[in-house]
Amino acid sequence: MAKASRTKKEEVKYELRLYIAGNTPKSVAALNNLKKYCEEHLKDQYKIEVIDLLVHPQLAEGDQILAIPTLVRKVPVPIRKIIGDLSNEEKVLVGLNIRPVKQ
């Protein structure tokens, strides 16, 4: 059977969750770096959820967050995690198994 066609907006291939604790320099850097990499390499194929553990500390247990900031790739499986401010683009792309978009 043929799959139903989807528009570009519906094709979320990467679900990313960034755990932070407040508006610290490392948290801000991690979010800015993540947004930049996603725009450059994933275009419209991603969704970022930011979880501030100062507001929702109970959410750390679900993804077993031990340090912050931590980026969790929920989809596609397997789940992958990267800890830190995400300043090393190559390590982030390799860690998340992201192949750059062809230009």
PDB file of N, CA and C in Angstrom:
ATOM      1  N   MET A   1       0.831  -1.195   0.000  1.00  0.00           N
ATOM      2  CA  MET A   1       0.000   0.000   0.000  1.00  0.00           C
ATOM      3  C   MET A   1       0.869   1.249   0.000  1.00  0.00           C
ATOM      4  N   ALA A   2       0.446   2.248  -0.707  1.00  0.00           N
ATOM      5  CA  ALA A   2       1.200   3.502  -0.760  1.00  0.00           C
ATOM      6  C   ALA A   2       0.940   4.314   0.506  1.00  0.00           C
ATOM      7  N   LYS A   3       1.976   4.977   0.968  1.00  0.00           N
ATOM      8  CA  LYS A   3       1.818   5.846   2.131  1.00  0.00           C
ATOM      9  C   LYS A   3       1.148   7.140   1.707  1.00  0.00           C
ATOM     10  N   ALA A   4       0.388   7.710   2.601  1.00  0.00           N
ATOM     11  CA  ALA A   4      -0.247   9.001   2.319  1.00  0.00           C
ATOM     12  C   ALA A   4       0.842  10.055   2.166  1.00  0.00           C
ATOM     13  N   SER A   5       0.679  10.931   1.206  1.00  0.00           N
ATOM     14  CA  SER A   5       1.689  11.973   1.011  1.00  0.00           C
ATOM     15  C   SER A   5       1.566  13.002   2.125  1.00  0.00           C
ATOM     16  N   ARG A   6       2.698  13.588   2.480  1.00  0.00           N
ATOM     17  CA  ARG A   6       2.738  14.590   3.548  1.00  0.00           C
ATOM     18  C   ARG A   6       3.324  15.866   3.010  1.00  0.00           C
ATOM     19  N   THR A   7       2.889  16.955   3.595  1.00  0.00           N
ATOM     20  CA  THR A   7       3.493  18.233   3.222  1.00  0.00           C
ATOM     21  C   THR A   7       4.785  18.389   3.996  1.00  0.00           C
ATOM     22  N   LYS A   8       5.618  19.329   3.585  1.00  0.00           N
ATOM     23  CA  LYS A   8       6.899  19.571   4.261  1.00  0.00           C
ATOM     24  C   LYS A   8       6.709  19.871   5.747  1.00  0.00           C
ATOM     25  N   LYS A   9       5.686  20.639   6.091  1.00  0.00           N
ATOM     26  CA  LYS A   9       5.458  21.048   7.476  1.00  0.00           C
ATOM     27  C   LYS A   9       5.216  19.840   8.387  1.00  0.00           C
ATOM     28  N   GLU A  10       4.638  18.760   7.848  1.00  0.00           N
ATOM     29  CA  GLU A  10       4.313  17.596   8.663  1.00  0.00           C
ATOM     30  C   GLU A  10       5.503  16.657   8.859  1.00  0.00           C
ATOM     31  N   GLU A  11       6.557  16.825   8.097  1.00  0.00           N
ATOM     32  CA  GLU A  11       7.672  15.897   8.139  1.00  0.00           C
ATOM     33  C   GLU A  11       8.691  16.264   9.213  1.00  0.00           C
ATOM     34  N   VAL A  12       8.327  16.064  10.467  1.00  0.00           N
ATOM     35  CA  VAL A  12       9.255  16.291  11.569  1.00  0.00           C
ATOM     36  C   VAL A  12      10.026  14.994  11.752  1.00  0.00           C
ATOM     37  N   LYS A  13      11.307  15.009  11.390  1.00  0.00           N
ATOM     38  CA  LYS A  13      12.113  13.802  11.473  1.00  0.00           C
ATOM     39  C   LYS A  13      12.961  13.765  12.731  1.00  0.00           C
ATOM     40  N   TYR A  14      13.202  14.923  13.322  1.00  0.00           N
ATOM     41  CA  TYR A  14      14.024  14.999  14.530  1.00  0.00           C
ATOM     42  C   TYR A  14      13.243  15.700  15.633  1.00  0.00           C
ATOM     43  N   GLU A  15      13.064  15.000  16.747  1.00  0.00           N
ATOM     44  CA  GLU A  15      12.465  15.613  17.927  1.00  0.00           C
ATOM     45  C   GLU A  15      13.568  15.755  18.953  1.00  0.00           C
ATOM     46  N   LEU A  16      13.893  17.004  19.264  1.00  0.00           N
ATOM     47  CA  LEU A  16      15.011  17.307  20.150  1.00  0.00           C
ATOM     48  C   LEU A  16      14.491  17.986  21.412  1.00  0.00           C
ATOM     49  N   ARG A  17      15.033  17.576  22.544  1.00  0.00           N
ATOM     50  CA  ARG A  17      14.638  18.154  23.826  1.00  0.00           C
ATOM     51  C   ARG A  17      15.901  18.672  24.503  1.00  0.00           C
ATOM     52  N   LEU A  18      15.907  19.966  24.814  1.00  0.00           N
ATOM     53  CA  LEU A  18      17.059  20.583  25.467  1.00  0.00           C
ATOM     54  C   LEU A  18      16.701  20.890  26.914  1.00  0.00           C
ATOM     55  N   TYR A  19      17.434  20.275  27.832  1.00  0.00           N
ATOM     56  CA  TYR A  19      17.241  20.515  29.255  1.00  0.00           C
ATOM     57  C   TYR A  19      18.212  21.597  29.704  1.00  0.00           C
ATOM     58  N   ILE A  20      17.671  22.628  30.354  1.00  0.00           N
ATOM     59  CA  ILE A  20      18.486  23.723  30.870  1.00  0.00           C
ATOM     60  C   ILE A  20      18.073  23.995  32.319  1.00  0.00           C
ATOM     61  N   ALA A  21      18.807  24.865  32.986  1.00  0.00           N
ATOM     62  CA  ALA A  21      18.435  25.301  34.340  1.00  0.00           C
ATOM     63  C   ALA A  21      18.572  26.808  34.394  1.00  0.00           C
ATOM     64  N   GLY A  22      17.500  27.474  34.043  1.00  0.00           N
ATOM     65  CA  GLY A  22      17.506  28.930  34.059  1.00  0.00           C
ATOM     66  C   GLY A  22      18.169  29.515  32.826  1.00  0.00           C
ATOM     67  N   ASN A  23      18.381  30.816  32.888  1.00  0.00           N
ATOM     68  CA  ASN A  23      18.906  31.563  31.750  1.00  0.00           C
ATOM     69  C   ASN A  23      20.412  31.796  31.900  1.00  0.00           C
ATOM     70  N   THR A  24      21.156  30.728  32.132  1.00  0.00           N
ATOM     71  CA  THR A  24      22.597  30.839  32.336  1.00  0.00           C
ATOM     72  C   THR A  24      23.316  31.006  30.994  1.00  0.00           C
ATOM     73  N   PRO A  25      24.533  31.515  31.008  1.00  0.00           N
ATOM     74  CA  PRO A  25      25.281  31.645  29.745  1.00  0.00           C
ATOM     75  C   PRO A  25      25.413  30.322  28.988  1.00  0.00           C
ATOM     76  N   LYS A  26      25.652  29.211  29.701  1.00  0.00           N
ATOM     77  CA  LYS A  26      25.769  27.910  29.029  1.00  0.00           C
ATOM     78  C   LYS A  26      24.443  27.479  28.408  1.00  0.00           C
ATOM     79  N   SER A  27      23.339  27.724  29.111  1.00  0.00           N
ATOM     80  CA  SER A  27      22.031  27.358  28.593  1.00  0.00           C
ATOM     81  C   SER A  27      21.690  28.173  27.349  1.00  0.00           C
ATOM     82  N   VAL A  28      21.955  29.469  27.394  1.00  0.00           N
ATOM     83  CA  VAL A  28      21.687  30.345  26.253  1.00  0.00           C
ATOM     84  C   VAL A  28      22.557  29.931  25.064  1.00  0.00           C
ATOM     85  N   ALA A  29      23.833  29.647  25.321  1.00  0.00           N
ATOM     86  CA  ALA A  29      24.738  29.221  24.248  1.00  0.00           C
ATOM     87  C   ALA A  29      24.273  27.909  23.634  1.00  0.00           C
ATOM     88  N   ALA A  30      23.856  26.963  24.469  1.00  0.00           N
ATOM     89  CA  ALA A  30      23.401  25.665  23.965  1.00  0.00           C
ATOM     90  C   ALA A  30      22.184  25.831  23.058  1.00  0.00           C
ATOM     91  N   LEU A  31      21.218  26.639  23.478  1.00  0.00           N
ATOM     92  CA  LEU A  31      20.022  26.839  22.669  1.00  0.00           C
ATOM     93  C   LEU A  31      20.350  27.553  21.357  1.00  0.00           C
ATOM     94  N   ASN A  32      21.171  28.581  21.414  1.00  0.00           N
ATOM     95  CA  ASN A  32      21.553  29.305  20.196  1.00  0.00           C
ATOM     96  C   ASN A  32      22.314  28.398  19.232  1.00  0.00           C
ATOM     97  N   ASN A  33      23.246  27.609  19.748  1.00  0.00           N
ATOM     98  CA  ASN A  33      24.000  26.680  18.904  1.00  0.00           C
ATOM     99  C   ASN A  33      23.077  25.647  18.275  1.00  0.00           C
ATOM    100  N   LEU A  34      22.170  25.097  19.073  1.00  0.00           N
ATOM    101  CA  LEU A  34      21.251  24.085  18.570  1.00  0.00           C
ATOM    102  C   LEU A  34      20.379  24.640  17.451  1.00  0.00           C
ATOM    103  N   LYS A  35      19.819  25.822  17.662  1.00  0.00           N
ATOM    104  CA  LYS A  35      18.980  26.434  16.622  1.00  0.00           C
ATOM    105  C   LYS A  35      19.763  26.648  15.335  1.00  0.00           C
ATOM    106  N   LYS A  36      21.000  27.113  15.468  1.00  0.00           N
ATOM    107  CA  LYS A  36      21.833  27.368  14.294  1.00  0.00           C
ATOM    108  C   LYS A  36      22.090  26.070  13.520  1.00  0.00           C
ATOM    109  N   TYR A  37      22.476  25.007  14.220  1.00  0.00           N
ATOM    110  CA  TYR A  37      22.757  23.734  13.552  1.00  0.00           C
ATOM    111  C   TYR A  37      21.509  23.166  12.885  1.00  0.00           C
ATOM    112  N   CYS A  38      20.369  23.275  13.568  1.00  0.00           N
ATOM    113  CA  CYS A  38      19.128  22.748  13.006  1.00  0.00           C
ATOM    114  C   CYS A  38      18.740  23.494  11.737  1.00  0.00           C
ATOM    115  N   GLU A  39      18.856  24.818  11.755  1.00  0.00           N
ATOM    116  CA  GLU A  39      18.525  25.602  10.561  1.00  0.00           C
ATOM    117  C   GLU A  39      19.474  25.277   9.407  1.00  0.00           C
ATOM    118  N   GLU A  40      20.747  25.086   9.713  1.00  0.00           N
ATOM    119  CA  GLU A  40      21.730  24.806   8.667  1.00  0.00           C
ATOM    120  C   GLU A  40      21.611  23.390   8.113  1.00  0.00           C
ATOM    121  N   HIS A  41      21.303  22.406   8.966  1.00  0.00           N
ATOM    122  CA  HIS A  41      21.404  21.008   8.552  1.00  0.00           C
ATOM    123  C   HIS A  41      20.086  20.245   8.484  1.00  0.00           C
ATOM    124  N   LEU A  42      19.050  20.738   9.144  1.00  0.00           N
ATOM    125  CA  LEU A  42      17.789  19.996   9.177  1.00  0.00           C
ATOM    126  C   LEU A  42      16.625  20.743   8.529  1.00  0.00           C
ATOM    127  N   LYS A  43      16.807  22.012   8.245  1.00  0.00           N
ATOM    128  CA  LYS A  43      15.760  22.862   7.659  1.00  0.00           C
ATOM    129  C   LYS A  43      14.447  22.680   8.419  1.00  0.00           C
ATOM    130  N   ASP A  44      13.375  22.261   7.759  1.00  0.00           N
ATOM    131  CA  ASP A  44      12.049  22.164   8.390  1.00  0.00           C
ATOM    132  C   ASP A  44      11.758  20.777   8.955  1.00  0.00           C
ATOM    133  N   GLN A  45      12.784  20.007   9.242  1.00  0.00           N
ATOM    134  CA  GLN A  45      12.571  18.618   9.650  1.00  0.00           C
ATOM    135  C   GLN A  45      12.819  18.396  11.148  1.00  0.00           C
ATOM    136  N   TYR A  46      12.644  19.418  11.956  1.00  0.00           N
ATOM    137  CA  TYR A  46      12.946  19.259  13.376  1.00  0.00           C
ATOM    138  C   TYR A  46      11.958  20.015  14.247  1.00  0.00           C
ATOM    139  N   LYS A  47      11.927  19.592  15.524  1.00  0.00           N
ATOM    140  CA  LYS A  47      11.145  20.281  16.548  1.00  0.00           C
ATOM    141  C   LYS A  47      12.010  20.321  17.799  1.00  0.00           C
ATOM    142  N   ILE A  48      12.147  21.494  18.393  1.00  0.00           N
ATOM    143  CA  ILE A  48      12.935  21.654  19.614  1.00  0.00           C
ATOM    144  C   ILE A  48      11.994  21.954  20.782  1.00  0.00           C
ATOM    145  N   GLU A  49      12.146  21.195  21.850  1.00  0.00           N
ATOM    146  CA  GLU A  49      11.410  21.447  23.083  1.00  0.00           C
ATOM    147  C   GLU A  49      12.444  21.812  24.144  1.00  0.00           C
ATOM    148  N   VAL A  50      12.272  22.967  24.775  1.00  0.00           N
ATOM    149  CA  VAL A  50      13.197  23.403  25.819  1.00  0.00           C
ATOM    150  C   VAL A  50      12.523  23.198  27.175  1.00  0.00           C
ATOM    151  N   ILE A  51      13.212  22.489  28.056  1.00  0.00           N
ATOM    152  CA  ILE A  51      12.676  22.219  29.386  1.00  0.00           C
ATOM    153  C   ILE A  51      13.602  22.843  30.419  1.00  0.00           C
ATOM    154  N   ASP A  52      13.066  23.802  31.163  1.00  0.00           N
ATOM    155  CA  ASP A  52      13.825  24.466  32.222  1.00  0.00           C
ATOM    156  C   ASP A  52      13.595  23.695  33.522  1.00  0.00           C
ATOM    157  N   LEU A  53      14.649  23.068  34.007  1.00  0.00           N
ATOM    158  CA  LEU A  53      14.522  22.229  35.201  1.00  0.00           C
ATOM    159  C   LEU A  53      14.324  23.033  36.479  1.00  0.00           C
ATOM    160  N   LEU A  54      14.530  24.346  36.439  1.00  0.00           N
ATOM    161  CA  LEU A  54      14.190  25.177  37.596  1.00  0.00           C
ATOM    162  C   LEU A  54      12.671  25.309  37.711  1.00  0.00           C
ATOM    163  N   VAL A  55      11.984  25.214  36.578  1.00  0.00           N
ATOM    164  CA  VAL A  55      10.526  25.316  36.553  1.00  0.00           C
ATOM    165  C   VAL A  55       9.875  23.939  36.693  1.00  0.00           C
ATOM    166  N   HIS A  56      10.447  22.938  36.015  1.00  0.00           N
ATOM    167  CA  HIS A  56       9.885  21.577  36.004  1.00  0.00           C
ATOM    168  C   HIS A  56      10.947  20.546  36.389  1.00  0.00           C
ATOM    169  N   PRO A  57      11.422  20.546  37.632  1.00  0.00           N
ATOM    170  CA  PRO A  57      12.497  19.619  38.020  1.00  0.00           C
ATOM    171  C   PRO A  57      12.115  18.148  37.893  1.00  0.00           C
ATOM    172  N   GLN A  58      10.837  17.843  37.997  1.00  0.00           N
ATOM    173  CA  GLN A  58      10.388  16.454  37.927  1.00  0.00           C
ATOM    174  C   GLN A  58      10.608  15.842  36.542  1.00  0.00           C
ATOM    175  N   LEU A  59      10.774  16.655  35.519  1.00  0.00           N
ATOM    176  CA  LEU A  59      10.941  16.136  34.162  1.00  0.00           C
ATOM    177  C   LEU A  59      12.341  15.584  33.910  1.00  0.00           C
ATOM    178  N   ALA A  60      13.291  15.851  34.787  1.00  0.00           N
ATOM    179  CA  ALA A  60      14.662  15.357  34.603  1.00  0.00           C
ATOM    180  C   ALA A  60      14.728  13.837  34.713  1.00  0.00           C
ATOM    181  N   GLU A  61      13.876  13.260  35.529  1.00  0.00           N
ATOM    182  CA  GLU A  61      13.936  11.826  35.767  1.00  0.00           C
ATOM    183  C   GLU A  61      13.586  11.011  34.532  1.00  0.00           C
ATOM    184  N   GLY A  62      12.606  11.462  33.759  1.00  0.00           N
ATOM    185  CA  GLY A  62      12.152  10.706  32.592  1.00  0.00           C
ATOM    186  C   GLY A  62      13.253  10.405  31.596  1.00  0.00           C
ATOM    187  N   ASP A  63      14.124  11.373  31.338  1.00  0.00           N
ATOM    188  CA  ASP A  63      15.228  11.181  30.398  1.00  0.00           C
ATOM    189  C   ASP A  63      16.557  10.956  31.122  1.00  0.00           C
ATOM    190  N   GLN A  64      16.501  10.728  32.418  1.00  0.00           N
ATOM    191  CA  GLN A  64      17.690  10.469  33.237  1.00  0.00           C
ATOM    192  C   GLN A  64      18.760  11.549  33.039  1.00  0.00           C
ATOM    193  N   ILE A  65      18.365  12.792  33.285  1.00  0.00           N
ATOM    194  CA  ILE A  65      19.262  13.934  33.122  1.00  0.00           C
ATOM    195  C   ILE A  65      20.113  14.084  34.375  1.00  0.00           C
ATOM    196  N   LEU A  66      21.423  14.030  34.188  1.00  0.00           N
ATOM    197  CA  LEU A  66      22.350  14.126  35.313  1.00  0.00           C
ATOM    198  C   LEU A  66      23.158  15.413  35.287  1.00  0.00           C
ATOM    199  N   ALA A  67      23.224  16.078  34.139  1.00  0.00           N
ATOM    200  CA  ALA A  67      23.989  17.319  33.995  1.00  0.00           C
ATOM    201  C   ALA A  67      23.229  18.223  33.029  1.00  0.00           C
ATOM    202  N   ILE A  68      23.499  19.519  33.119  1.00  0.00           N
ATOM    203  CA  ILE A  68      22.840  20.445  32.212  1.00  0.00           C
ATOM    204  C   ILE A  68      23.840  21.467  31.683  1.00  0.00           C
ATOM    205  N   PRO A  69      23.624  22.019  30.512  1.00  0.00           N
ATOM    206  CA  PRO A  69      22.548  21.645  29.594  1.00  0.00           C
ATOM    207  C   PRO A  69      22.785  20.265  28.974  1.00  0.00           C
ATOM    208  N   THR A  70      21.676  19.559  28.694  1.00  0.00           N
ATOM    209  CA  THR A  70      21.718  18.267  28.013  1.00  0.00           C
ATOM    210  C   THR A  70      20.718  18.289  26.868  1.00  0.00           C
ATOM    211  N   LEU A  71      21.184  17.849  25.711  1.00  0.00           N
ATOM    212  CA  LEU A  71      20.322  17.714  24.543  1.00  0.00           C
ATOM    213  C   LEU A  71      19.974  16.243  24.379  1.00  0.00           C
ATOM    214  N   VAL A  72      18.683  15.958  24.200  1.00  0.00           N
ATOM    215  CA  VAL A  72      18.224  14.591  23.999  1.00  0.00           C
ATOM    216  C   VAL A  72      17.536  14.508  22.647  1.00  0.00           C
ATOM    217  N   ARG A  73      17.987  13.578  21.819  1.00  0.00           N
ATOM    218  CA  ARG A  73      17.298  13.315  20.550  1.00  0.00           C
ATOM    219  C   ARG A  73      16.313  12.196  20.816  1.00  0.00           C
ATOM    220  N   LYS A  74      15.013  12.528  20.808  1.00  0.00           N
ATOM    221  CA  LYS A  74      13.959  11.552  21.087  1.00  0.00           C
ATOM    222  C   LYS A  74      13.617  10.740  19.835  1.00  0.00           C
ATOM    223  N   VAL A  75      13.551  11.425  18.699  1.00  0.00           N
ATOM    224  CA  VAL A  75      13.217  10.802  17.418  1.00  0.00           C
ATOM    225  C   VAL A  75      14.214  11.317  16.413  1.00  0.00           C
ATOM    226  N   PRO A  76      14.766  10.477  15.547  1.00  0.00           N
ATOM    227  CA  PRO A  76      14.546   9.036  15.442  1.00  0.00           C
ATOM    228  C   PRO A  76      15.274   8.269  16.544  1.00  0.00           C
ATOM    229  N   VAL A  77      14.777   7.068  16.799  1.00  0.00           N
ATOM    230  CA  VAL A  77      15.416   6.212  17.796  1.00  0.00           C
ATOM    231  C   VAL A  77      16.684   5.638  17.191  1.00  0.00           C
ATOM    232  N   PRO A  78      17.691   5.260  17.938  1.00  0.00           N
ATOM    233  CA  PRO A  78      17.727   5.251  19.396  1.00  0.00           C
ATOM    234  C   PRO A  78      17.913   6.653  19.968  1.00  0.00           C
ATOM    235  N   ILE A  79      17.506   6.817  21.211  1.00  0.00           N
ATOM    236  CA  ILE A  79      17.670   8.091  21.899  1.00  0.00           C
ATOM    237  C   ILE A  79      19.162   8.372  22.060  1.00  0.00           C
ATOM    238  N   ARG A  80      19.547   9.612  21.814  1.00  0.00           N
ATOM    239  CA  ARG A  80      20.946  10.015  21.989  1.00  0.00           C
ATOM    240  C   ARG A  80      20.985  11.264  22.858  1.00  0.00           C
ATOM    241  N   LYS A  81      22.087  11.415  23.618  1.00  0.00           N
ATOM    242  CA  LYS A  81      22.237  12.570  24.507  1.00  0.00           C
ATOM    243  C   LYS A  81      23.590  13.224  24.304  1.00  0.00           C
ATOM    244  N   ILE A  82      23.589  14.551  24.399  1.00  0.00           N
ATOM    245  CA  ILE A  82      24.824  15.319  24.353  1.00  0.00           C
ATOM    246  C   ILE A  82      24.776  16.320  25.497  1.00  0.00           C
ATOM    247  N   ILE A  83      25.835  16.359  26.290  1.00  0.00           N
ATOM    248  CA  ILE A  83      25.904  17.255  27.439  1.00  0.00           C
ATOM    249  C   ILE A  83      26.841  18.413  27.113  1.00  0.00           C
ATOM    250  N   GLY A  84      26.444  19.625  27.493  1.00  0.00           N
ATOM    251  CA  GLY A  84      27.304  20.790  27.316  1.00  0.00           C
ATOM    252  C   GLY A  84      26.626  21.885  26.518  1.00  0.00           C
ATOM    253  N   ASP A  85      27.417  22.901  26.140  1.00  0.00           N
ATOM    254  CA  ASP A  85      26.845  24.064  25.463  1.00  0.00           C
ATOM    255  C   ASP A  85      26.726  23.895  23.950  1.00  0.00           C
ATOM    256  N   LEU A  86      27.053  22.697  23.441  1.00  0.00           N
ATOM    257  CA  LEU A  86      26.900  22.359  22.023  1.00  0.00           C
ATOM    258  C   LEU A  86      27.750  23.242  21.112  1.00  0.00           C
ATOM    259  N   SER A  87      28.877  23.727  21.612  1.00  0.00           N
ATOM    260  CA  SER A  87      29.700  24.644  20.825  1.00  0.00           C
ATOM    261  C   SER A  87      30.517  23.948  19.742  1.00  0.00           C
ATOM    262  N   ASN A  88      30.726  22.635  19.850  1.00  0.00           N
ATOM    263  CA  ASN A  88      31.479  21.907  18.838  1.00  0.00           C
ATOM    264  C   ASN A  88      30.497  21.296  17.840  1.00  0.00           C
ATOM    265  N   GLU A  89      30.309  21.989  16.718  1.00  0.00           N
ATOM    266  CA  GLU A  89      29.296  21.585  15.734  1.00  0.00           C
ATOM    267  C   GLU A  89      29.520  20.163  15.229  1.00  0.00           C
ATOM    268  N   GLU A  90      30.743  19.811  14.926  1.00  0.00           N
ATOM    269  CA  GLU A  90      31.017  18.468  14.400  1.00  0.00           C
ATOM    270  C   GLU A  90      30.616  17.386  15.397  1.00  0.00           C
ATOM    271  N   LYS A  91      30.960  17.586  16.679  1.00  0.00           N
ATOM    272  CA  LYS A  91      30.596  16.606  17.706  1.00  0.00           C
ATOM    273  C   LYS A  91      29.082  16.496  17.863  1.00  0.00           C
ATOM    274  N   VAL A  92      28.392  17.617  17.767  1.00  0.00           N
ATOM    275  CA  VAL A  92      26.933  17.603  17.894  1.00  0.00           C
ATOM    276  C   VAL A  92      26.313  16.832  16.731  1.00  0.00           C
ATOM    277  N   LEU A  93      26.742  17.130  15.519  1.00  0.00           N
ATOM    278  CA  LEU A  93      26.183  16.454  14.336  1.00  0.00           C
ATOM    279  C   LEU A  93      26.470  14.960  14.366  1.00  0.00           C
ATOM    280  N   VAL A  94      27.694  14.584  14.734  1.00  0.00           N
ATOM    281  CA  VAL A  94      28.049  13.172  14.827  1.00  0.00           C
ATOM    282  C   VAL A  94      27.267  12.515  15.968  1.00  0.00           C
ATOM    283  N   GLY A  95      27.200  13.198  17.103  1.00  0.00           N
ATOM    284  CA  GLY A  95      26.500  12.655  18.265  1.00  0.00           C
ATOM    285  C   GLY A  95      25.020  12.409  18.018  1.00  0.00           C
ATOM    286  N   LEU A  96      24.409  13.284  17.234  1.00  0.00           N
ATOM    287  CA  LEU A  96      22.985  13.131  16.923  1.00  0.00           C
ATOM    288  C   LEU A  96      22.748  12.327  15.650  1.00  0.00           C
ATOM    289  N   ASN A  97      23.845  11.930  15.002  1.00  0.00           N
ATOM    290  CA  ASN A  97      23.766  11.195  13.744  1.00  0.00           C
ATOM    291  C   ASN A  97      22.986  11.981  12.692  1.00  0.00           C
ATOM    292  N   ILE A  98      23.327  13.268  12.582  1.00  0.00           N
ATOM    293  CA  ILE A  98      22.672  14.139  11.608  1.00  0.00           C
ATOM    294  C   ILE A  98      23.570  14.256  10.386  1.00  0.00           C
ATOM    295  N   ARG A  99      22.983  13.991   9.243  1.00  0.00           N
ATOM    296  CA  ARG A  99      23.699  14.173   7.993  1.00  0.00           C
ATOM    297  C   ARG A  99      23.305  15.525   7.420  1.00  0.00           C
ATOM    298  N   PRO A 100      24.283  16.353   7.123  1.00  0.00           N
ATOM    299  CA  PRO A 100      23.972  17.693   6.620  1.00  0.00           C
ATOM    300  C   PRO A 100      23.087  17.665   5.381  1.00  0.00           C
ATOM    301  N   VAL A 101      22.196  18.666   5.287  1.00  0.00           N
ATOM    302  CA  VAL A 101      21.322  18.811   4.127  1.00  0.00           C
ATOM    303  C   VAL A 101      22.175  19.207   2.935  1.00  0.00           C
ATOM    304  N   LYS A 102      21.939  18.557   1.810  1.00  0.00           N
ATOM    305  CA  LYS A 102      22.678  18.899   0.594  1.00  0.00           C
ATOM    306  C   LYS A 102      22.177  20.230   0.060  1.00  0.00           C
ATOM    307  N   GLN A 103      23.109  21.112  -0.329  1.00  0.00           N
ATOM    308  CA  GLN A 103      22.703  22.436  -0.808  1.00  0.00           C
ATOM    309  C   GLN A 103      22.817  22.523  -2.290  1.00  0.00           C
TER     310      GLN A 103
END
